[in-house]
Amino acid sequence: MFKCSFEVIFKYSLLHLQFPTNVHVVKNAMDDYKKKLGSLADKIKNDAPHAPIQQVLPIKHQPVSADEEEARFNNWIPKGLKRRIKAYGAQHDISQKDITIEALKDFLKNKGN
């Protein structure tokens, strides 16, 4: 009995749904979306970009002598010193690696090693 009443309610609800109207609304919405999307694509193709394009220039690297092998050197330094090294490198077109190598060589030379 429960099964029959459920089937009757289900069939009754399907009869009163307005599928053609809902499909028509969905179709109109999709057509509007396609028009907007198409106009956006045309705008992207035709308009020139407004943002300036940045030019990337590599930092001049002072090569390590060929007879010396390189090794990783990690350490923690104060943030202020790091900022100063970075700023100096940017102003003088020197990499942080080269600044560090030069500073360590000077340190060892001053200490007599």
Protein backbone atom coordinates (compact mmCIF):
# COMPACT_ATOMS: atom_id res chain seq x y z
CA MET A 1 0.00 0.00 0.00
CA PHE A 2 2.79 2.43 0.87
CA LYS A 3 4.50 1.61 -2.40
CA CYS A 4 1.39 2.38 -4.42
CA SER A 5 0.77 5.72 -2.73
CA PHE A 6 4.41 6.74 -3.25
CA GLU A 7 4.20 5.85 -6.95
CA VAL A 8 1.01 7.86 -7.33
CA ILE A 9 2.54 10.90 -5.61
CA PHE A 10 5.70 10.61 -7.72
CA LYS A 11 3.74 10.36 -10.99
CA TYR A 12 1.50 13.26 -9.97
CA SER A 13 4.52 15.46 -9.19
CA LEU A 14 6.12 14.63 -12.55
CA LEU A 15 2.95 15.57 -14.39
CA HIS A 16 2.84 19.01 -12.78
CA LEU A 17 6.48 19.90 -13.42
CA GLN A 18 6.95 22.23 -16.34
CA PHE A 19 9.94 20.71 -18.08
CA PRO A 20 9.65 22.65 -21.35
CA THR A 21 9.67 25.98 -19.50
CA ASN A 22 12.64 24.96 -17.32
CA VAL A 23 14.58 23.73 -20.35
CA HIS A 24 13.81 26.99 -22.15
CA VAL A 25 15.09 29.05 -19.20
CA VAL A 26 18.27 27.00 -19.03
CA LYS A 27 18.80 27.34 -22.78
CA ASN A 28 18.38 31.14 -22.61
CA ALA A 29 20.82 31.33 -19.72
CA MET A 30 23.36 29.26 -21.64
CA ASP A 31 22.92 31.44 -24.75
CA ASP A 32 23.51 34.57 -22.64
CA TYR A 33 26.59 32.98 -21.08
CA LYS A 34 27.98 32.04 -24.51
CA LYS A 35 27.43 35.61 -25.78
CA LYS A 36 29.23 37.09 -22.77
CA LEU A 37 32.04 34.58 -23.07
CA GLY A 38 32.39 35.26 -26.79
CA SER A 39 32.55 39.01 -26.28
CA LEU A 40 35.17 38.54 -23.57
CA ALA A 41 37.30 36.42 -25.90
CA ASP A 42 37.03 39.10 -28.61
CA LYS A 43 38.00 41.79 -26.12
CA ILE A 44 41.06 39.82 -25.00
CA LYS A 45 42.13 39.22 -28.60
CA ASN A 46 41.67 42.83 -29.75
CA ASP A 47 42.84 44.90 -26.73
CA ALA A 48 46.53 45.42 -26.10
CA PRO A 49 47.75 44.57 -22.58
CA HIS A 50 47.87 47.61 -20.28
CA ALA A 51 50.55 46.35 -17.88
CA PRO A 52 54.17 47.04 -18.80
CA ILE A 53 56.25 43.99 -19.56
CA GLN A 54 59.23 43.65 -17.24
CA GLN A 55 62.65 42.88 -18.60
CA VAL A 56 64.67 40.30 -16.67
CA LEU A 57 68.41 40.88 -16.59
CA PRO A 58 70.67 38.25 -15.06
CA ILE A 59 73.20 39.30 -12.42
CA LYS A 60 76.78 39.26 -13.63
CA HIS A 61 78.40 36.24 -12.07
CA GLN A 62 82.07 36.15 -11.16
CA PRO A 63 83.06 32.59 -11.94
CA VAL A 64 84.89 30.52 -9.36
CA SER A 65 88.25 29.30 -10.60
CA ALA A 66 88.04 26.05 -12.55
CA ASP A 67 90.41 24.20 -10.21
CA GLU A 68 88.16 24.82 -7.17
CA GLU A 69 85.13 22.63 -6.63
CA GLU A 70 82.03 24.28 -5.12
CA ALA A 71 80.35 23.15 -1.89
CA ARG A 72 77.11 24.18 -0.19
CA PHE A 73 77.45 26.72 2.63
CA ASN A 74 74.31 27.34 4.74
CA ASN A 75 74.16 29.57 7.77
CA TRP A 76 71.83 31.89 9.65
CA ILE A 77 72.55 35.63 9.67
CA PRO A 78 70.60 38.62 11.04
CA LYS A 79 67.80 39.85 8.75
CA GLY A 80 69.21 43.37 8.69
CA LEU A 81 72.58 42.13 7.43
CA LYS A 82 70.83 40.02 4.80
CA ARG A 83 68.90 43.10 3.60
CA ARG A 84 72.11 45.13 3.41
CA ILE A 85 73.87 42.40 1.39
CA LYS A 86 70.89 42.16 -0.95
CA ALA A 87 70.75 45.95 -1.43
CA TYR A 88 74.51 46.18 -2.03
CA GLY A 89 74.32 43.40 -4.60
CA ALA A 90 71.45 45.10 -6.41
CA GLN A 91 73.24 48.47 -6.45
CA HIS A 92 76.57 47.05 -7.63
CA ASP A 93 75.21 44.25 -9.84
CA ILE A 94 76.87 41.50 -7.78
CA SER A 95 75.23 38.26 -6.61
CA GLN A 96 74.87 37.47 -2.91
CA LYS A 97 77.00 34.39 -3.47
CA ASP A 98 79.88 36.47 -4.83
CA ILE A 99 79.58 38.97 -1.97
CA THR A 100 79.74 36.12 0.54
CA ILE A 101 82.78 34.52 -1.16
CA GLU A 102 84.64 37.82 -1.27
CA ALA A 103 83.82 38.62 2.37
CA LEU A 104 84.98 35.20 3.57
CA LYS A 105 88.22 35.42 1.59
CA ASP A 106 88.91 38.89 3.06
CA PHE A 107 88.13 37.59 6.55
CA LEU A 108 90.57 34.69 6.23
CA LYS A 109 93.24 36.93 4.68
CA ASN A 110 92.95 39.37 7.61
CA LYS A 111 93.19 36.51 10.11
CA GLY A 112 96.38 35.24 8.47
CA ASN A 113 95.01 32.04 6.93
